[in-house]
């Protein structure tokens, strides 16, 4: 950053704009600026060997405190982010929106700062400080050190739905309007509002999902955002015949089933994923649908291997694959192992 100066004999006077310095500084950590004189290359350090008035200063338009230091006699300006925290004052959540009020610990002049709320997804719940994707919601200008928020649940990105349960941490960014550098803070929760946070709702959009708010071990606001596909499809009949397995199922929602899908569980760390599948056509009825699975074709070919588990789903054009739950009226204890894939394997439903 080049700083203009005025010369009066052997004296040079420069005016440093802390606003311009702030625009080029790191938003959430200390930034050190060394002064050099560029009359010719190489630049010379601007040094001092005498006492200099050194009072910390703070601009009303930034989130930094500034002071000078003199390591090895070199003039150095240090700007340090203010210790700022955000706190949840009230909270509510329903199927339509998440809302509440946030307070900011650092006194800020009205109208000079704005805030936004970030949802940041942890790829692994145990990696508390590591995030992958995020989504930002502008909250507007901060007045009286507070900012309300109201986020429509339908606006939460479906890109977060990577696993069955995804952890979304809430981060509040504060930024001076003129400078634009954002200072991130976790949204803390005090004991007076802690009881308001734990809630779980089912969402219409994205389809078949649920959102659960909770207080972390560090007293911060986070969410579980996951697929909520359980108990939508229910198996109502299951018959083990000589050459086939006959099944009948019903749905709580209006879908147009096209296939029954078996997916093989493959271990992935402490969880599992699906990489291979087999499908069979569905015969549609007015209220229920049926499918017949040939024992000869079931899990035949290279898709099978010993000691594996296959989960069953219903596939349609308008919905993701939905797992098949088992009705309480079906007793699986009477089902025995039967030969499959030309008697290469034996299989059993459970």
Protein backbone atom coordinates (compact mmCIF):
# COMPACT_ATOMS: atom_id res chain seq x y z
CA UNK A 1 0.00 0.00 0.00
CA UNK A 2 1.52 3.31 -1.12
CA UNK A 3 0.98 6.18 1.33
CA UNK A 4 1.19 9.75 0.02
CA UNK A 5 3.29 12.23 2.02
CA UNK A 6 4.20 15.91 2.16
CA UNK A 7 7.76 17.24 2.47
CA UNK A 8 8.81 20.28 4.49
CA UNK A 9 12.60 20.58 4.38
CA UNK A 10 13.92 17.42 5.94
CA UNK A 11 10.56 16.49 7.45
CA UNK A 12 8.08 14.16 5.72
CA UNK A 13 4.46 13.96 6.90
CA UNK A 14 2.20 11.02 5.97
CA UNK A 15 -1.45 10.41 6.84
CA UNK A 16 -2.42 6.74 7.19
CA UNK A 17 -6.02 5.77 6.45
CA UNK A 18 -7.01 3.06 8.90
CA UNK A 19 -10.01 2.33 6.66
CA UNK A 20 -7.74 1.48 3.74
CA UNK A 21 -5.48 -0.54 6.04
CA UNK A 22 -8.52 -2.46 7.29
CA UNK A 23 -9.61 -3.32 3.74
CA UNK A 24 -6.31 -5.10 3.16
CA UNK A 25 -6.00 -6.77 6.58
CA UNK A 26 -6.95 -10.28 7.61
CA UNK A 27 -10.44 -10.20 9.14
CA UNK A 28 -10.05 -12.64 12.03
CA UNK A 29 -6.39 -12.44 13.06
CA UNK A 30 -3.71 -9.93 13.83
CA UNK A 31 -2.09 -8.19 10.84
CA UNK A 32 1.31 -6.50 11.06
CA UNK A 33 2.32 -3.72 8.66
CA UNK A 34 5.97 -2.71 8.32
CA UNK A 35 6.78 0.70 6.89
CA UNK A 36 9.41 1.10 4.21
CA UNK A 37 10.66 4.04 2.16
CA UNK A 38 10.71 3.31 -1.56
CA UNK A 39 12.94 6.09 -2.83
CA UNK A 40 15.04 3.42 -4.52
CA UNK A 41 15.42 -0.33 -4.53
CA UNK A 42 15.93 -2.12 -2.27
CA UNK A 43 13.37 -0.42 -0.04
CA UNK A 44 14.67 0.88 3.28
CA UNK A 45 12.93 0.12 6.53
CA UNK A 46 11.49 3.13 8.29
CA UNK A 47 13.26 2.94 11.64
CA UNK A 48 13.26 4.92 14.87
CA UNK A 49 15.61 5.18 17.82
CA UNK A 50 13.74 7.66 19.97
CA UNK A 51 10.58 7.73 22.12
CA UNK A 52 7.34 7.96 20.13
CA UNK A 53 3.82 8.51 21.42
CA UNK A 54 2.10 5.16 21.01
CA UNK A 55 -1.54 5.19 22.07
CA UNK A 56 -3.88 2.48 20.72
CA UNK A 57 -6.55 3.88 18.42
CA UNK A 58 -9.83 2.49 17.22
CA UNK A 59 -11.97 3.53 14.28
CA UNK A 60 -15.75 3.67 14.58
CA UNK A 61 -16.00 2.18 11.09
CA UNK A 62 -13.89 -0.96 11.56
CA UNK A 63 -13.57 -3.95 13.87
CA UNK A 64 -9.87 -3.43 14.59
CA UNK A 65 -7.77 -1.77 17.27
CA UNK A 66 -4.52 -0.21 16.02
CA UNK A 67 -1.19 0.41 17.75
CA UNK A 68 2.47 0.83 16.79
CA UNK A 69 5.32 -1.46 17.71
CA UNK A 70 9.04 -1.15 17.01
CA UNK A 71 10.61 -4.60 16.62
CA UNK A 72 14.33 -4.11 15.95
CA UNK A 73 13.63 -0.39 15.65
CA UNK A 74 11.37 -0.82 12.58
CA UNK A 75 8.09 1.13 12.59
CA UNK A 76 5.29 -1.47 12.54
CA UNK A 77 1.54 -0.89 12.69
CA UNK A 78 -0.40 -3.73 14.29
CA UNK A 79 -4.14 -4.04 13.84
CA UNK A 80 -5.90 -6.57 16.01
CA UNK A 81 -9.52 -7.72 15.59
CA UNK A 82 -11.76 -6.69 18.46
CA UNK A 83 -12.83 -9.49 20.76
CA UNK A 84 -16.34 -9.88 19.42
CA UNK A 85 -18.92 -12.52 20.25
CA UNK A 86 -22.54 -13.07 19.26
CA UNK A 87 -25.31 -14.44 21.46
CA UNK A 88 -28.76 -15.87 20.82
CA UNK A 89 -31.39 -13.81 22.65
CA UNK A 90 -34.51 -15.66 21.51
CA UNK A 91 -35.27 -18.49 19.11
CA UNK A 92 -38.15 -20.25 17.41
CA UNK A 93 -38.46 -22.79 14.61
CA UNK A 94 -41.37 -24.28 12.72
CA UNK A 95 -41.99 -25.90 9.35
CA UNK A 96 -41.88 -22.52 7.59
CA UNK A 97 -39.03 -20.56 9.18
CA UNK A 98 -36.22 -20.27 11.71
CA UNK A 99 -36.26 -16.94 13.56
CA UNK A 100 -34.79 -15.13 16.51
CA UNK A 101 -32.63 -12.20 17.64
CA UNK A 102 -28.84 -11.99 17.90
CA UNK A 103 -26.91 -9.61 20.17
CA UNK A 104 -23.32 -8.49 19.60
CA UNK A 105 -20.93 -8.04 22.53
CA UNK A 106 -18.80 -5.23 21.03
CA UNK A 107 -20.47 -1.78 21.04
CA UNK A 108 -21.08 -0.81 17.39
CA UNK A 109 -22.41 2.44 16.00
CA UNK A 110 -25.87 2.09 14.46
CA UNK A 111 -26.01 1.75 10.71
CA UNK A 112 -22.27 1.23 10.14
CA UNK A 113 -22.20 -2.57 10.39
CA UNK A 114 -24.14 -5.44 8.90
CA UNK A 115 -24.42 -9.14 9.64
CA UNK A 116 -25.08 -12.36 7.84
CA UNK A 117 -25.82 -15.88 9.07
CA UNK A 118 -23.87 -18.83 7.66
CA UNK A 119 -24.82 -22.48 7.80
CA UNK A 120 -21.61 -24.51 7.51
CA UNK A 121 -21.68 -28.27 7.04
CA UNK A 122 -19.26 -30.51 8.92
CA UNK A 123 -18.35 -33.50 6.71
CA UNK A 124 -17.68 -35.48 9.91
CA UNK A 125 -19.49 -34.66 13.12
CA UNK A 126 -16.33 -35.23 15.19
CA UNK A 127 -14.35 -32.61 13.21
CA UNK A 128 -15.78 -29.64 15.04
CA UNK A 129 -13.75 -26.88 13.34
CA UNK A 130 -13.64 -28.33 9.81
CA UNK A 131 -16.33 -27.41 7.30
CA UNK A 132 -16.95 -28.08 3.63
CA UNK A 133 -19.79 -26.20 1.94
CA UNK A 134 -21.74 -23.29 3.38
CA UNK A 135 -24.80 -21.15 2.68
CA UNK A 136 -25.09 -17.46 3.61
CA UNK A 137 -28.17 -15.44 4.56
CA UNK A 138 -27.96 -11.63 4.76
CA UNK A 139 -29.43 -10.29 8.01
CA UNK A 140 -29.13 -6.56 7.32
CA UNK A 141 -27.85 -3.61 9.34
CA UNK A 142 -27.05 -3.90 13.05
CA UNK A 143 -29.03 -1.49 15.26
CA UNK A 144 -28.62 -1.19 19.05
CA UNK A 145 -26.09 -4.02 18.86
CA UNK A 146 -28.81 -6.42 17.78
CA UNK A 147 -30.01 -7.98 14.55
CA UNK A 148 -33.13 -10.11 14.04
CA UNK A 149 -33.19 -13.04 11.64
CA UNK A 150 -35.89 -14.96 9.80
CA UNK A 151 -34.80 -17.75 7.46
CA UNK A 152 -37.38 -19.67 5.39
CA UNK A 153 -36.72 -23.38 5.81
CA UNK A 154 -37.43 -23.95 2.11
CA UNK A 155 -34.36 -21.81 1.32
CA UNK A 156 -31.94 -24.23 3.02
CA UNK A 157 -29.88 -25.79 0.26
CA UNK A 158 -30.46 -29.43 -0.65
CA UNK A 159 -26.71 -29.60 -1.42
CA UNK A 160 -26.23 -30.15 2.32
CA UNK A 161 -28.00 -33.52 2.06
CA UNK A 162 -24.87 -35.61 1.59
CA UNK A 163 -25.51 -38.18 4.32
CA UNK A 164 -28.53 -39.26 6.32
CA UNK A 165 -27.64 -36.75 9.03
CA UNK A 166 -25.59 -33.63 8.33
CA UNK A 167 -24.33 -31.25 11.01
CA UNK A 168 -24.77 -27.56 10.18
CA UNK A 169 -23.00 -25.08 12.44
CA UNK A 170 -24.26 -21.50 12.70
CA UNK A 171 -21.66 -18.78 12.12
CA UNK A 172 -22.45 -15.04 12.35
CA UNK A 173 -20.33 -12.77 10.16
CA UNK A 174 -20.08 -9.12 11.16
CA UNK A 175 -18.68 -6.61 8.70
CA UNK A 176 -18.28 -2.82 8.49
CA UNK A 177 -20.33 -1.63 5.52
CA UNK A 178 -17.56 0.59 4.14
CA UNK A 179 -14.79 -1.99 4.56
CA UNK A 180 -16.53 -5.27 3.84
CA UNK A 181 -14.11 -7.51 5.75
CA UNK A 182 -16.14 -10.10 7.64
CA UNK A 183 -15.36 -11.16 11.19
CA UNK A 184 -16.77 -14.68 11.84
CA UNK A 185 -18.17 -15.64 15.25
CA UNK A 186 -19.92 -18.72 16.56
CA UNK A 187 -23.44 -18.09 17.83
CA UNK A 188 -23.35 -18.73 21.58
CA UNK A 189 -26.33 -19.80 23.67
CA UNK A 190 -26.80 -18.72 27.27
CA UNK A 191 -28.67 -20.71 29.95
CA UNK A 192 -31.71 -18.44 29.76
CA UNK A 193 -32.54 -19.45 26.15
CA UNK A 194 -31.07 -22.95 26.09
CA UNK A 195 -34.46 -24.56 26.64
CA UNK A 196 -35.88 -22.83 23.54
CA UNK A 197 -33.45 -24.42 21.10
CA UNK A 198 -34.05 -28.21 20.92
CA UNK A 199 -36.70 -28.80 18.24
CA UNK A 200 -37.24 -31.20 15.36
CA UNK A 201 -39.46 -30.54 12.34
CA UNK A 202 -40.29 -32.28 9.09
CA UNK A 203 -39.89 -30.20 5.94
CA UNK A 204 -41.89 -30.11 2.72
CA UNK A 205 -38.91 -28.72 0.79
CA UNK A 206 -36.45 -30.24 0.19
CA UNK A 207 -38.68 -33.28 -0.14
CA UNK A 208 -38.79 -35.70 2.77
CA UNK A 209 -36.24 -34.05 5.01
CA UNK A 210 -36.07 -33.09 8.68
CA UNK A 211 -34.30 -30.30 10.55
CA UNK A 212 -33.33 -30.54 14.21
CA UNK A 213 -31.85 -27.66 16.21
CA UNK A 214 -29.65 -28.39 19.19
CA UNK A 215 -27.09 -26.91 21.59
CA UNK A 216 -23.54 -28.19 21.13
CA UNK A 217 -21.20 -29.12 23.98
CA UNK A 218 -19.64 -25.66 23.58
CA UNK A 219 -23.07 -24.00 24.01
CA UNK A 220 -23.39 -23.01 20.37
CA UNK A 221 -26.25 -23.33 17.91
CA UNK A 222 -26.16 -26.16 15.35
CA UNK A 223 -28.60 -28.24 13.32
CA UNK A 224 -29.01 -31.79 12.16
CA UNK A 225 -30.28 -31.71 8.58
CA UNK A 226 -31.10 -35.08 7.11
CA UNK A 227 -33.20 -37.24 4.91
CA UNK A 228 -36.42 -38.33 6.59
CA UNK A 229 -37.48 -41.33 4.52
CA UNK A 230 -38.45 -43.74 7.28
CA UNK A 231 -41.91 -45.30 7.58
CA UNK A 232 -43.22 -43.82 4.32
CA UNK A 233 -43.28 -47.20 2.55
CA UNK A 234 -44.57 -50.12 4.62
CA UNK A 235 -44.45 -53.80 3.74
CA UNK A 236 -47.91 -55.28 4.34
CA UNK A 237 -47.43 -58.83 2.98
CA UNK A 238 -44.42 -61.09 2.46
CA UNK A 239 -44.74 -64.67 1.15
CA UNK A 240 -41.88 -67.09 0.68
CA UNK A 241 -42.89 -69.24 -2.27
CA UNK A 242 -41.03 -72.10 -3.92
CA UNK A 243 -39.47 -70.09 -6.75
CA UNK A 244 -40.08 -66.50 -5.72
CA UNK A 245 -40.61 -64.05 -2.88
CA UNK A 246 -43.86 -62.12 -3.15
CA UNK A 247 -44.23 -58.77 -1.40
CA UNK A 248 -46.96 -56.16 -1.11
CA UNK A 249 -46.48 -52.63 0.21
CA UNK A 250 -48.32 -49.34 0.67
CA UNK A 251 -47.26 -45.70 0.88
CA UNK A 252 -48.24 -42.81 3.17
CA UNK A 253 -47.73 -40.32 0.34
CA UNK A 254 -48.84 -40.29 -3.26
CA UNK A 255 -46.11 -41.84 -5.38
CA UNK A 256 -45.94 -43.85 -8.57
CA UNK A 257 -43.62 -46.76 -7.75
CA UNK A 258 -41.77 -48.33 -10.66
CA UNK A 259 -39.20 -50.70 -9.11
CA UNK A 260 -38.12 -52.46 -5.98
CA UNK A 261 -34.40 -51.98 -5.45
CA UNK A 262 -31.99 -54.07 -3.37
CA UNK A 263 -28.80 -52.20 -2.39
CA UNK A 264 -25.71 -53.85 -0.95
CA UNK A 265 -24.21 -52.36 2.21
CA UNK A 266 -20.47 -51.75 1.86
CA UNK A 267 -18.55 -50.72 4.97
CA UNK A 268 -17.11 -47.20 5.04
CA UNK A 269 -15.31 -46.47 8.33
CA UNK A 270 -17.99 -46.79 11.03
CA UNK A 271 -20.81 -46.32 8.53
CA UNK A 272 -21.66 -47.88 5.18
CA UNK A 273 -22.54 -46.84 1.65
CA UNK A 274 -24.38 -48.35 -1.30
CA UNK A 275 -22.43 -49.11 -4.47
CA UNK A 276 -24.28 -52.04 -6.08
CA UNK A 277 -27.97 -52.70 -6.63
CA UNK A 278 -30.51 -54.97 -8.30
CA UNK A 279 -34.00 -53.99 -9.43
CA UNK A 280 -37.36 -55.68 -10.10
CA UNK A 281 -40.54 -54.21 -11.63
CA UNK A 282 -43.53 -53.20 -9.51
CA UNK A 283 -47.15 -53.99 -10.33
CA UNK A 284 -49.28 -51.00 -9.31
CA UNK A 285 -52.65 -51.27 -7.60
CA UNK A 286 -55.23 -48.72 -6.45
CA UNK A 287 -53.99 -48.51 -2.85
CA UNK A 288 -51.16 -51.05 -2.74
CA UNK A 289 -48.42 -52.31 -5.04
CA UNK A 290 -46.79 -55.70 -5.41
CA UNK A 291 -43.58 -57.25 -6.70
CA UNK A 292 -42.30 -60.79 -7.25
CA UNK A 293 -38.59 -61.50 -6.83
CA UNK A 294 -37.27 -64.62 -8.54
CA UNK A 295 -35.05 -66.67 -6.25
CA UNK A 296 -33.06 -67.86 -9.25
CA UNK A 297 -32.23 -64.28 -10.32
CA UNK A 298 -31.96 -62.82 -6.84
CA UNK A 299 -28.44 -61.50 -6.26
CA UNK A 300 -27.04 -63.55 -9.11
CA UNK A 301 -23.82 -62.74 -10.95
CA UNK A 302 -20.86 -60.72 -9.71
CA UNK A 303 -22.90 -58.40 -7.45
CA UNK A 304 -22.99 -60.86 -4.57
CA UNK A 305 -20.41 -61.92 -2.04
CA UNK A 306 -20.63 -63.84 1.25
CA UNK A 307 -21.89 -62.28 4.49
CA UNK A 308 -23.48 -59.19 3.00
CA UNK A 309 -26.62 -57.26 3.87
CA UNK A 310 -28.99 -55.95 1.21
CA UNK A 311 -31.50 -53.21 2.01
CA UNK A 312 -34.72 -52.85 0.04
CA UNK A 313 -36.17 -49.62 -1.35
CA UNK A 314 -38.99 -48.46 -3.59
CA UNK A 315 -38.00 -46.35 -6.57
CA UNK A 316 -40.25 -43.83 -8.33
CA UNK A 317 -39.84 -40.96 -10.77
CA UNK A 318 -40.64 -38.07 -8.39
CA UNK A 319 -38.94 -39.09 -5.13
CA UNK A 320 -35.61 -40.43 -3.90
CA UNK A 321 -35.39 -44.15 -3.19
CA UNK A 322 -37.53 -44.84 -0.12
CA UNK A 323 -36.64 -47.63 2.37
CA UNK A 324 -39.25 -50.30 3.00
CA UNK A 325 -40.36 -50.57 6.63
CA UNK A 326 -41.92 -53.77 7.94
CA UNK A 327 -45.41 -53.77 9.38
CA UNK A 328 -45.93 -55.13 12.89
CA UNK A 329 -48.33 -57.69 11.43
CA UNK A 330 -45.48 -59.47 9.61
CA UNK A 331 -43.57 -62.08 11.60
CA UNK A 332 -40.16 -62.75 10.04
CA UNK A 333 -39.10 -65.33 12.63
CA UNK A 334 -40.72 -68.11 10.60
CA UNK A 335 -38.69 -67.36 7.47
CA UNK A 336 -35.86 -69.81 6.77
CA UNK A 337 -32.75 -69.58 4.62
CA UNK A 338 -33.38 -70.35 0.95
CA UNK A 339 -31.10 -71.02 -2.02
CA UNK A 340 -30.35 -68.18 -4.43
CA UNK A 341 -28.20 -67.70 -7.54
CA UNK A 342 -28.24 -71.39 -8.57
CA UNK A 343 -27.59 -72.48 -4.98
CA UNK A 344 -24.30 -70.56 -4.77
CA UNK A 345 -25.60 -68.71 -1.70
CA UNK A 346 -28.32 -68.88 0.88
CA UNK A 347 -30.36 -65.84 1.87
CA UNK A 348 -32.82 -64.88 4.59
CA UNK A 349 -35.10 -61.91 5.14
CA UNK A 350 -34.97 -60.12 8.47
